[in-house]
């Protein structure tokens, strides 16, 4: 991902949230999401995380339709043995076309290239579609849980893990 891709990635992220988390995350939270504001934050993240976070894009006919971000597990040093899939979003109209599978495969490859032995991610417990997707991609819950607050509503998250060849 380059600076030129940030606007497209922010659109994917916001539309992905609004579609994937409908009925899970409070509507007020989803409605307040703004791609331009997200792009401003993403530009800062891109600059601050250069070399640490690997932003992967999926294109169809030259148009960015999916984005994944992978790096060391949160809070761990750059050379951590565990990697984390921080984000994986696909434009809703491209869900089910293989874009998500391709991005996941690329994230696993990048994690292996970085010498990490496991790839972890966090998923909302109520997001059954994403949980099925990750199950099919070789991830499984490891028993770790947390919760985050969205517009005053606590939502449980589960940690999934996959060994990296």
Protein backbone atom coordinates (compact mmCIF):
# COMPACT_ATOMS: atom_id res chain seq x y z
CA UNK A 1 0.00 0.00 0.00
CA UNK A 2 1.23 3.46 -0.83
CA UNK A 3 -0.02 6.92 0.07
CA UNK A 4 -1.99 6.88 -3.20
CA UNK A 5 -3.98 3.84 -1.99
CA UNK A 6 -5.06 5.27 1.37
CA UNK A 7 -8.38 6.73 0.19
CA UNK A 8 -9.39 3.44 -1.44
CA UNK A 9 -8.35 1.45 1.64
CA UNK A 10 -10.33 3.75 3.95
CA UNK A 11 -13.40 3.37 1.76
CA UNK A 12 -12.98 -0.42 1.88
CA UNK A 13 -12.55 -0.35 5.65
CA UNK A 14 -15.58 1.85 6.34
CA UNK A 15 -17.87 0.07 3.87
CA UNK A 16 -16.59 -3.26 5.16
CA UNK A 17 -17.40 -2.34 8.75
CA UNK A 18 -20.83 -1.01 7.86
CA UNK A 19 -21.68 -4.18 5.95
CA UNK A 20 -19.98 -6.87 8.06
CA UNK A 21 -20.97 -5.52 11.46
CA UNK A 22 -24.59 -4.62 10.66
CA UNK A 23 -26.69 -5.94 13.53
CA UNK A 24 -23.60 -6.51 15.70
CA UNK A 25 -22.04 -3.07 16.25
CA UNK A 26 -24.50 -0.30 17.20
CA UNK A 27 -25.92 1.48 14.15
CA UNK A 28 -24.91 4.86 15.62
CA UNK A 29 -21.26 3.77 15.64
CA UNK A 30 -21.40 2.50 12.05
CA UNK A 31 -23.23 5.60 10.81
CA UNK A 32 -20.60 7.86 12.40
CA UNK A 33 -17.78 6.21 10.44
CA UNK A 34 -16.34 8.49 7.78
CA UNK A 35 -13.92 7.43 5.05
CA UNK A 36 -12.20 10.84 4.91
CA UNK A 37 -11.54 10.85 8.66
CA UNK A 38 -10.37 7.25 8.43
CA UNK A 39 -8.02 8.19 5.58
CA UNK A 40 -6.41 10.91 7.70
CA UNK A 41 -5.74 8.39 10.51
CA UNK A 42 -4.58 5.74 8.02
CA UNK A 43 -2.02 8.18 6.54
CA UNK A 44 -0.61 8.68 10.04
CA UNK A 45 -0.54 4.91 10.66
CA UNK A 46 1.16 4.34 7.32
CA UNK A 47 3.90 6.82 8.15
CA UNK A 48 4.40 5.59 11.73
CA UNK A 49 4.31 1.88 10.95
CA UNK A 50 6.57 1.80 7.90
CA UNK A 51 8.32 -1.55 7.81
CA UNK A 52 6.45 -2.86 10.88
CA UNK A 53 2.97 -3.26 9.39
CA UNK A 54 2.59 -4.82 5.96
CA UNK A 55 -0.47 -3.52 4.12
CA UNK A 56 -1.59 -5.89 1.38
CA UNK A 57 -4.00 -4.93 -1.39
CA UNK A 58 -6.24 -6.93 -3.69
CA UNK A 59 -7.12 -5.45 -7.05
CA UNK A 60 -9.66 -6.44 -9.66
CA UNK A 61 -9.23 -4.84 -13.07
CA UNK A 62 -6.88 -2.25 -11.56
CA UNK A 63 -9.30 -1.23 -8.79
CA UNK A 64 -8.45 -1.85 -5.13
CA UNK A 65 -11.23 -4.03 -3.70
CA UNK A 66 -9.62 -5.51 -0.58
CA UNK A 67 -7.06 -4.77 2.08
CA UNK A 68 -5.26 -6.70 4.80
CA UNK A 69 -2.70 -5.55 7.36
CA UNK A 70 -0.29 -7.91 9.09
CA UNK A 71 2.67 -7.48 11.42
CA UNK A 72 4.02 -8.52 14.81
CA UNK A 73 1.45 -9.47 17.44
CA UNK A 74 0.19 -6.37 19.25
CA UNK A 75 2.52 -5.12 21.91
CA UNK A 76 5.32 -7.41 20.81
CA UNK A 77 8.69 -6.38 19.30
CA UNK A 78 9.26 -6.42 15.55
CA UNK A 79 11.02 -9.78 15.78
CA UNK A 80 8.18 -11.47 17.67
CA UNK A 81 7.54 -15.13 16.82
CA UNK A 82 3.79 -14.44 16.58
CA UNK A 83 2.28 -12.31 13.86
CA UNK A 84 -1.12 -10.67 13.84
CA UNK A 85 -3.65 -10.13 11.10
CA UNK A 86 -4.78 -6.68 12.20
CA UNK A 87 -7.36 -6.15 9.49
CA UNK A 88 -8.97 -7.90 6.54
CA UNK A 89 -11.70 -6.09 4.63
CA UNK A 90 -13.21 -6.55 1.19
CA UNK A 91 -15.74 -4.35 -0.56
CA UNK A 92 -19.14 -5.97 0.09
CA UNK A 93 -19.80 -6.58 -3.61
CA UNK A 94 -16.59 -8.66 -3.77
CA UNK A 95 -17.31 -10.85 -0.74
CA UNK A 96 -17.47 -14.49 -1.83
CA UNK A 97 -15.36 -13.97 -4.96
CA UNK A 98 -12.06 -15.24 -3.54
CA UNK A 99 -10.60 -11.82 -2.72
CA UNK A 100 -10.64 -12.49 1.03
CA UNK A 101 -9.06 -15.92 0.56
CA UNK A 102 -6.31 -14.42 -1.61
CA UNK A 103 -5.58 -11.71 0.96
CA UNK A 104 -5.51 -14.28 3.76
CA UNK A 105 -3.08 -16.46 1.80
CA UNK A 106 -0.89 -13.42 1.15
CA UNK A 107 -0.96 -12.52 4.86
CA UNK A 108 0.09 -16.07 5.80
CA UNK A 109 2.91 -15.98 3.22
CA UNK A 110 4.14 -12.60 4.48
CA UNK A 111 4.05 -13.86 8.05
CA UNK A 112 6.17 -16.88 7.03
CA UNK A 113 8.59 -14.64 5.12
CA UNK A 114 9.06 -12.64 8.32
CA UNK A 115 10.00 -15.83 10.16
CA UNK A 116 6.94 -16.00 12.37
CA UNK A 117 5.49 -19.35 13.35
CA UNK A 118 1.91 -18.36 14.17
CA UNK A 119 -0.62 -15.84 12.89
CA UNK A 120 -3.22 -14.56 15.34
CA UNK A 121 -6.28 -12.37 14.87
CA UNK A 122 -9.22 -11.02 16.85
CA UNK A 123 -12.79 -11.42 15.64
CA UNK A 124 -16.09 -10.31 17.14
CA UNK A 125 -17.74 -13.32 18.78
CA UNK A 126 -21.08 -12.47 17.14
CA UNK A 127 -19.58 -12.23 13.65
CA UNK A 128 -20.45 -15.78 12.59
CA UNK A 129 -19.71 -15.09 8.89
CA UNK A 130 -16.12 -14.03 9.67
CA UNK A 131 -15.65 -16.88 12.13
CA UNK A 132 -16.69 -19.43 9.47
CA UNK A 133 -14.32 -17.75 6.99
CA UNK A 134 -11.39 -17.98 9.41
CA UNK A 135 -12.25 -21.58 10.32
CA UNK A 136 -12.08 -22.52 6.62
CA UNK A 137 -8.76 -20.65 6.33
CA UNK A 138 -7.17 -22.86 8.99
CA UNK A 139 -7.59 -20.61 12.02
CA UNK A 140 -9.15 -21.79 15.29
CA UNK A 141 -10.06 -20.07 18.55
CA UNK A 142 -7.39 -20.49 21.22
CA UNK A 143 -9.58 -19.58 24.20
CA UNK A 144 -8.38 -15.98 24.65
CA UNK A 145 -11.14 -13.38 24.88
CA UNK A 146 -11.43 -9.64 25.35
CA UNK A 147 -14.09 -7.04 24.82
CA UNK A 148 -14.22 -3.60 23.27
CA UNK A 149 -16.77 -0.86 23.74
CA UNK A 150 -18.63 0.45 20.69
CA UNK A 151 -20.96 3.40 21.35
CA UNK A 152 -21.42 2.22 24.93
CA UNK A 153 -22.01 -1.42 24.00
CA UNK A 154 -19.36 -3.95 25.07
CA UNK A 155 -18.73 -6.57 22.39
CA UNK A 156 -16.82 -9.78 23.02
CA UNK A 157 -13.88 -10.66 20.80
CA UNK A 158 -12.25 -14.06 20.35
CA UNK A 159 -8.66 -14.68 19.43
CA UNK A 160 -8.00 -17.12 16.59
CA UNK A 161 -4.64 -18.66 15.73
CA UNK A 162 -3.12 -20.51 12.83
CA UNK A 163 0.29 -22.15 12.53
CA UNK A 164 2.39 -20.73 9.73
CA UNK A 165 4.33 -23.26 7.63
